[in-house]
Every structure is written in structure tokens, then in C-alpha cells.
PDB file of N, CA and C in Angstrom:
ATOM      1  N   UNK A   1     -66.401-103.484 -32.668  1.00  0.00           N
ATOM      2  CA  UNK A   1     -65.557-102.601 -31.893  1.00  0.00           C
ATOM      3  C   UNK A   1     -65.190-101.335 -32.669  1.00  0.00           C
ATOM      4  N   UNK A   2     -64.929-101.488 -33.967  1.00  0.00           N
ATOM      5  CA  UNK A   2     -64.581-100.329 -34.783  1.00  0.00           C
ATOM      6  C   UNK A   2     -65.727 -99.350 -34.885  1.00  0.00           C
ATOM      7  N   UNK A   3     -66.956 -99.866 -34.922  1.00  0.00           N
ATOM      8  CA  UNK A   3     -68.126 -98.993 -35.009  1.00  0.00           C
ATOM      9  C   UNK A   3     -68.276 -98.173 -33.725  1.00  0.00           C
ATOM     10  N   UNK A   4     -67.981 -98.781 -32.590  1.00  0.00           N
ATOM     11  CA  UNK A   4     -68.068 -98.069 -31.319  1.00  0.00           C
ATOM     12  C   UNK A   4     -67.021 -96.954 -31.273  1.00  0.00           C
ATOM     13  N   UNK A   5     -65.809 -97.237 -31.702  1.00  0.00           N
ATOM     14  CA  UNK A   5     -64.756 -96.222 -31.717  1.00  0.00           C
ATOM     15  C   UNK A   5     -65.078 -95.093 -32.689  1.00  0.00           C
ATOM     16  N   UNK A   6     -65.658 -95.428 -33.827  1.00  0.00           N
ATOM     17  CA  UNK A   6     -66.032 -94.399 -34.797  1.00  0.00           C
ATOM     18  C   UNK A   6     -67.124 -93.497 -34.225  1.00  0.00           C
ATOM     19  N   UNK A   7     -68.105 -94.103 -33.572  1.00  0.00           N
ATOM     20  CA  UNK A   7     -69.182 -93.324 -32.962  1.00  0.00           C
ATOM     21  C   UNK A   7     -68.628 -92.430 -31.851  1.00  0.00           C
ATOM     22  N   UNK A   8     -67.735 -92.986 -31.049  1.00  0.00           N
ATOM     23  CA  UNK A   8     -67.108 -92.210 -29.982  1.00  0.00           C
ATOM     24  C   UNK A   8     -66.337 -91.022 -30.555  1.00  0.00           C
ATOM     25  N   UNK A   9     -65.632 -91.240 -31.650  1.00  0.00           N
ATOM     26  CA  UNK A   9     -64.896 -90.164 -32.300  1.00  0.00           C
ATOM     27  C   UNK A   9     -65.802 -89.058 -32.805  1.00  0.00           C
ATOM     28  N   UNK A  10     -66.932 -89.432 -33.351  1.00  0.00           N
ATOM     29  CA  UNK A  10     -67.892 -88.436 -33.844  1.00  0.00           C
ATOM     30  C   UNK A  10     -68.461 -87.634 -32.680  1.00  0.00           C
ATOM     31  N   UNK A  11     -68.803 -88.316 -31.594  1.00  0.00           N
ATOM     32  CA  UNK A  11     -69.369 -87.634 -30.427  1.00  0.00           C
ATOM     33  C   UNK A  11     -68.349 -86.664 -29.827  1.00  0.00           C
ATOM     34  N   UNK A  12     -67.112 -87.093 -29.716  1.00  0.00           N
ATOM     35  CA  UNK A  12     -66.064 -86.217 -29.183  1.00  0.00           C
ATOM     36  C   UNK A  12     -65.835 -85.031 -30.119  1.00  0.00           C
ATOM     37  N   UNK A  13     -65.852 -85.269 -31.414  1.00  0.00           N
ATOM     38  CA  UNK A  13     -65.673 -84.187 -32.377  1.00  0.00           C
ATOM     39  C   UNK A  13     -66.776 -83.139 -32.297  1.00  0.00           C
ATOM     40  N   UNK A  14     -68.013 -83.597 -32.191  1.00  0.00           N
ATOM     41  CA  UNK A  14     -69.139 -82.664 -32.083  1.00  0.00           C
ATOM     42  C   UNK A  14     -69.065 -81.890 -30.772  1.00  0.00           C
ATOM     43  N   UNK A  15     -68.730 -82.568 -29.682  1.00  0.00           N
ATOM     44  CA  UNK A  15     -68.603 -81.891 -28.388  1.00  0.00           C
ATOM     45  C   UNK A  15     -67.494 -80.846 -28.432  1.00  0.00           C
ATOM     46  N   UNK A  16     -66.399 -81.148 -29.097  1.00  0.00           N
ATOM     47  CA  UNK A  16     -65.298 -80.200 -29.224  1.00  0.00           C
ATOM     48  C   UNK A  16     -65.709 -78.979 -30.044  1.00  0.00           C
ATOM     49  N   UNK A  17     -66.434 -79.186 -31.116  1.00  0.00           N
ATOM     50  CA  UNK A  17     -66.909 -78.054 -31.926  1.00  0.00           C
ATOM     51  C   UNK A  17     -67.860 -77.160 -31.139  1.00  0.00           C
ATOM     52  N   UNK A  18     -68.738 -77.758 -30.363  1.00  0.00           N
ATOM     53  CA  UNK A  18     -69.668 -76.971 -29.541  1.00  0.00           C
ATOM     54  C   UNK A  18     -68.895 -76.183 -28.488  1.00  0.00           C
ATOM     55  N   UNK A  19     -67.907 -76.816 -27.858  1.00  0.00           N
ATOM     56  CA  UNK A  19     -67.106 -76.120 -26.847  1.00  0.00           C
ATOM     57  C   UNK A  19     -66.361 -74.936 -27.453  1.00  0.00           C
ATOM     58  N   UNK A  20     -65.806 -75.104 -28.632  1.00  0.00           N
ATOM     59  CA  UNK A  20     -65.100 -74.018 -29.305  1.00  0.00           C
ATOM     60  C   UNK A  20     -66.063 -72.886 -29.654  1.00  0.00           C
ATOM     61  N   UNK A  21     -67.260 -73.240 -30.126  1.00  0.00           N
ATOM     62  CA  UNK A  21     -68.244 -72.223 -30.498  1.00  0.00           C
ATOM     63  C   UNK A  21     -68.703 -71.419 -29.290  1.00  0.00           C
ATOM     64  N   UNK A  22     -68.715 -72.029 -28.112  1.00  0.00           N
ATOM     65  CA  UNK A  22     -69.135 -71.325 -26.901  1.00  0.00           C
ATOM     66  C   UNK A  22     -67.996 -70.482 -26.344  1.00  0.00           C
ATOM     67  N   UNK A  23     -66.777 -70.989 -26.378  1.00  0.00           N
ATOM     68  CA  UNK A  23     -65.645 -70.308 -25.747  1.00  0.00           C
ATOM     69  C   UNK A  23     -65.073 -69.181 -26.609  1.00  0.00           C
ATOM     70  N   UNK A  24     -65.105 -69.319 -27.928  1.00  0.00           N
ATOM     71  CA  UNK A  24     -64.455 -68.346 -28.804  1.00  0.00           C
ATOM     72  C   UNK A  24     -64.946 -66.908 -28.604  1.00  0.00           C
ATOM     73  N   UNK A  25     -66.249 -66.639 -28.478  1.00  0.00           N
ATOM     74  CA  UNK A  25     -66.667 -65.247 -28.249  1.00  0.00           C
ATOM     75  C   UNK A  25     -66.080 -64.645 -26.970  1.00  0.00           C
ATOM     76  N   UNK A  26     -65.969 -65.458 -25.903  1.00  0.00           N
ATOM     77  CA  UNK A  26     -65.357 -64.950 -24.676  1.00  0.00           C
ATOM     78  C   UNK A  26     -63.879 -64.645 -24.876  1.00  0.00           C
ATOM     79  N   UNK A  27     -63.193 -65.466 -25.655  1.00  0.00           N
ATOM     80  CA  UNK A  27     -61.788 -65.192 -25.941  1.00  0.00           C
ATOM     81  C   UNK A  27     -61.628 -63.904 -26.738  1.00  0.00           C
ATOM     82  N   UNK A  28     -62.548 -63.649 -27.645  1.00  0.00           N
ATOM     83  CA  UNK A  28     -62.488 -62.421 -28.432  1.00  0.00           C
ATOM     84  C   UNK A  28     -62.736 -61.203 -27.545  1.00  0.00           C
ATOM     85  N   UNK A  29     -63.701 -61.295 -26.621  1.00  0.00           N
ATOM     86  CA  UNK A  29     -63.956 -60.192 -25.690  1.00  0.00           C
ATOM     87  C   UNK A  29     -62.725 -59.959 -24.811  1.00  0.00           C
ATOM     88  N   UNK A  30     -62.107 -61.045 -24.336  1.00  0.00           N
ATOM     89  CA  UNK A  30     -60.888 -60.917 -23.528  1.00  0.00           C
ATOM     90  C   UNK A  30     -59.792 -60.211 -24.312  1.00  0.00           C
ATOM     91  N   UNK A  31     -59.629 -60.572 -25.586  1.00  0.00           N
ATOM     92  CA  UNK A  31     -58.592 -59.967 -26.411  1.00  0.00           C
ATOM     93  C   UNK A  31     -58.837 -58.473 -26.596  1.00  0.00           C
ATOM     94  N   UNK A  32     -60.071 -58.095 -26.838  1.00  0.00           N
ATOM     95  CA  UNK A  32     -60.395 -56.670 -26.999  1.00  0.00           C
ATOM     96  C   UNK A  32     -60.130 -55.921 -25.695  1.00  0.00           C
ATOM     97  N   UNK A  33     -60.538 -56.506 -24.563  1.00  0.00           N
ATOM     98  CA  UNK A  33     -60.279 -55.874 -23.266  1.00  0.00           C
ATOM     99  C   UNK A  33     -58.786 -55.694 -23.027  1.00  0.00           C
ATOM    100  N   UNK A  34     -58.010 -56.681 -23.374  1.00  0.00           N
ATOM    101  CA  UNK A  34     -56.569 -56.621 -23.132  1.00  0.00           C
ATOM    102  C   UNK A  34     -55.887 -55.614 -24.056  1.00  0.00           C
ATOM    103  N   UNK A  35     -56.222 -55.655 -25.329  1.00  0.00           N
ATOM    104  CA  UNK A  35     -55.548 -54.787 -26.289  1.00  0.00           C
ATOM    105  C   UNK A  35     -55.880 -53.318 -26.108  1.00  0.00           C
ATOM    106  N   UNK A  36     -57.124 -53.019 -25.824  1.00  0.00           N
ATOM    107  CA  UNK A  36     -57.555 -51.620 -25.777  1.00  0.00           C
ATOM    108  C   UNK A  36     -57.850 -51.111 -24.376  1.00  0.00           C
ATOM    109  N   UNK A  37     -57.597 -51.906 -23.342  1.00  0.00           N
ATOM    110  CA  UNK A  37     -57.799 -51.452 -21.969  1.00  0.00           C
ATOM    111  C   UNK A  37     -59.257 -51.186 -21.631  1.00  0.00           C
ATOM    112  N   UNK A  38     -60.159 -51.908 -22.258  1.00  0.00           N
ATOM    113  CA  UNK A  38     -61.586 -51.727 -21.994  1.00  0.00           C
ATOM    114  C   UNK A  38     -62.018 -52.578 -20.811  1.00  0.00           C
ATOM    115  N   UNK A  39     -63.207 -52.340 -20.337  1.00  0.00           N
ATOM    116  CA  UNK A  39     -63.751 -53.139 -19.233  1.00  0.00           C
ATOM    117  C   UNK A  39     -65.099 -53.721 -19.639  1.00  0.00           C
ATOM    118  N   UNK A  40     -65.111 -54.452 -20.731  1.00  0.00           N
ATOM    119  CA  UNK A  40     -66.333 -55.092 -21.189  1.00  0.00           C
ATOM    120  C   UNK A  40     -66.598 -56.289 -20.284  1.00  0.00           C
ATOM    121  N   UNK A  41     -67.793 -56.362 -19.746  1.00  0.00           N
ATOM    122  CA  UNK A  41     -68.153 -57.451 -18.830  1.00  0.00           C
ATOM    123  C   UNK A  41     -68.381 -58.742 -19.611  1.00  0.00           C
ATOM    124  N   UNK A  42     -68.138 -59.860 -18.933  1.00  0.00           N
ATOM    125  CA  UNK A  42     -68.369 -61.174 -19.533  1.00  0.00           C
ATOM    126  C   UNK A  42     -69.770 -61.635 -19.137  1.00  0.00           C
ATOM    127  N   UNK A  43     -70.756 -61.264 -19.953  1.00  0.00           N
ATOM    128  CA  UNK A  43     -72.144 -61.625 -19.662  1.00  0.00           C
ATOM    129  C   UNK A  43     -72.748 -62.314 -20.877  1.00  0.00           C
ATOM    130  N   UNK A  44     -73.925 -62.855 -20.689  1.00  0.00           N
ATOM    131  CA  UNK A  44     -74.629 -63.487 -21.796  1.00  0.00           C
ATOM    132  C   UNK A  44     -74.938 -62.461 -22.886  1.00  0.00           C
ATOM    133  N   UNK A  45     -75.210 -61.235 -22.480  1.00  0.00           N
ATOM    134  CA  UNK A  45     -75.521 -60.179 -23.443  1.00  0.00           C
ATOM    135  C   UNK A  45     -74.309 -59.855 -24.326  1.00  0.00           C
ATOM    136  N   UNK A  46     -73.132 -59.722 -23.724  1.00  0.00           N
ATOM    137  CA  UNK A  46     -71.949 -59.426 -24.529  1.00  0.00           C
ATOM    138  C   UNK A  46     -71.526 -60.637 -25.353  1.00  0.00           C
ATOM    139  N   UNK A  47     -71.733 -61.849 -24.814  1.00  0.00           N
ATOM    140  CA  UNK A  47     -71.432 -63.064 -25.574  1.00  0.00           C
ATOM    141  C   UNK A  47     -72.315 -63.125 -26.819  1.00  0.00           C
ATOM    142  N   UNK A  48     -73.610 -62.851 -26.646  1.00  0.00           N
ATOM    143  CA  UNK A  48     -74.540 -62.872 -27.780  1.00  0.00           C
ATOM    144  C   UNK A  48     -74.187 -61.816 -28.817  1.00  0.00           C
ATOM    145  N   UNK A  49     -73.817 -60.637 -28.345  1.00  0.00           N
ATOM    146  CA  UNK A  49     -73.425 -59.577 -29.274  1.00  0.00           C
ATOM    147  C   UNK A  49     -72.184 -59.974 -30.055  1.00  0.00           C
ATOM    148  N   UNK A  50     -71.238 -60.625 -29.417  1.00  0.00           N
ATOM    149  CA  UNK A  50     -70.026 -61.051 -30.108  1.00  0.00           C
ATOM    150  C   UNK A  50     -70.328 -62.141 -31.132  1.00  0.00           C
ATOM    151  N   UNK A  51     -71.241 -63.045 -30.799  1.00  0.00           N
ATOM    152  CA  UNK A  51     -71.635 -64.077 -31.763  1.00  0.00           C
ATOM    153  C   UNK A  51     -72.261 -63.424 -32.993  1.00  0.00           C
ATOM    154  N   UNK A  52     -73.115 -62.447 -32.783  1.00  0.00           N
ATOM    155  CA  UNK A  52     -73.735 -61.744 -33.916  1.00  0.00           C
ATOM    156  C   UNK A  52     -72.689 -61.006 -34.747  1.00  0.00           C
ATOM    157  N   UNK A  53     -71.699 -60.390 -34.087  1.00  0.00           N
ATOM    158  CA  UNK A  53     -70.640 -59.711 -34.836  1.00  0.00           C
ATOM    159  C   UNK A  53     -69.820 -60.704 -35.647  1.00  0.00           C
ATOM    160  N   UNK A  54     -69.545 -61.867 -35.078  1.00  0.00           N
ATOM    161  CA  UNK A  54     -68.778 -62.871 -35.800  1.00  0.00           C
ATOM    162  C   UNK A  54     -69.555 -63.405 -36.987  1.00  0.00           C
ATOM    163  N   UNK A  55     -70.850 -63.540 -36.851  1.00  0.00           N
ATOM    164  CA  UNK A  55     -71.673 -63.983 -37.979  1.00  0.00           C
ATOM    165  C   UNK A  55     -71.696 -62.902 -39.057  1.00  0.00           C
ATOM    166  N   UNK A  56     -71.870 -61.649 -38.640  1.00  0.00           N
ATOM    167  CA  UNK A  56     -71.970 -60.548 -39.597  1.00  0.00           C
ATOM    168  C   UNK A  56     -70.657 -60.310 -40.333  1.00  0.00           C
ATOM    169  N   UNK A  57     -69.536 -60.310 -39.596  1.00  0.00           N
ATOM    170  CA  UNK A  57     -68.239 -60.016 -40.198  1.00  0.00           C
ATOM    171  C   UNK A  57     -67.468 -61.271 -40.594  1.00  0.00           C
ATOM    172  N   UNK A  58     -68.054 -62.422 -40.371  1.00  0.00           N
ATOM    173  CA  UNK A  58     -67.366 -63.675 -40.651  1.00  0.00           C
ATOM    174  C   UNK A  58     -67.115 -63.878 -42.133  1.00  0.00           C
ATOM    175  N   UNK A  59     -66.160 -64.723 -42.403  1.00  0.00           N
ATOM    176  CA  UNK A  59     -65.849 -65.044 -43.776  1.00  0.00           C
ATOM    177  C   UNK A  59     -66.095 -66.529 -44.003  1.00  0.00           C
ATOM    178  N   UNK A  60     -66.302 -66.876 -45.239  1.00  0.00           N
ATOM    179  CA  UNK A  60     -66.473 -68.277 -45.573  1.00  0.00           C
ATOM    180  C   UNK A  60     -65.165 -68.815 -46.116  1.00  0.00           C
ATOM    181  N   UNK A  61     -64.851 -70.015 -45.756  1.00  0.00           N
ATOM    182  CA  UNK A  61     -63.634 -70.638 -46.227  1.00  0.00           C
ATOM    183  C   UNK A  61     -63.983 -71.541 -47.398  1.00  0.00           C
ATOM    184  N   UNK A  62     -63.167 -71.533 -48.396  1.00  0.00           N
ATOM    185  CA  UNK A  62     -63.358 -72.470 -49.497  1.00  0.00           C
ATOM    186  C   UNK A  62     -62.023 -73.119 -49.812  1.00  0.00           C
ATOM    187  N   UNK A  63     -62.074 -74.376 -49.985  1.00  0.00           N
ATOM    188  CA  UNK A  63     -60.874 -75.134 -50.301  1.00  0.00           C
ATOM    189  C   UNK A  63     -61.010 -75.637 -51.720  1.00  0.00           C
ATOM    190  N   UNK A  64     -60.294 -75.013 -52.616  1.00  0.00           N
ATOM    191  CA  UNK A  64     -60.368 -75.383 -54.032  1.00  0.00           C
ATOM    192  C   UNK A  64     -59.047 -76.008 -54.456  1.00  0.00           C
ATOM    193  N   UNK A  65     -59.169 -77.059 -55.179  1.00  0.00           N
ATOM    194  CA  UNK A  65     -57.961 -77.704 -55.686  1.00  0.00           C
ATOM    195  C   UNK A  65     -57.397 -76.937 -56.859  1.00  0.00           C
ATOM    196  N   UNK A  66     -56.189 -77.299 -57.230  1.00  0.00           N
ATOM    197  CA  UNK A  66     -55.560 -76.645 -58.393  1.00  0.00           C
ATOM    198  C   UNK A  66     -56.255 -77.120 -59.659  1.00  0.00           C
ATOM    199  N   UNK A  67     -56.399 -76.203 -60.590  1.00  0.00           N
ATOM    200  CA  UNK A  67     -57.033 -76.564 -61.869  1.00  0.00           C
ATOM    201  C   UNK A  67     -56.003 -76.804 -62.919  1.00  0.00           C
TER     202      UNK A  67
END
């Protein structure tokens, strides 16, 4: 039973990460439209462009313990 729950947890976690990765670019486009009064359309083309911008300008996180 524990193995089934662990597998279910992993599947839900992966599905949640995929959902966040798909939704986040649209949220960023919405934020830009709201803040600057733009009319950027919500299309696959603008979603792809936002993903590329996030990859290009993205930062890497590192978690280092105290030395």
C-alpha cells in the first residue's frame, strides 16, 4: 500500500510541475498586459516566445549549506 501511495505522489508531483510550466508563461503575459496596458494576444506564438525569454533570462537556484 505504501508503494502505491508513493507512486501516486510522484505522479501528482510531476503533473503539477508540468501544469506550472505550461501556465506560468501565460501568467507572465497577463502581468505585462496589466501593468503596461498592452494588448498582447494569448497564442501559442506568444507562449513560446515567453518560454524562450524565461530560459534566456532565467536564473539558477543553488542551495548551499553554511560552511
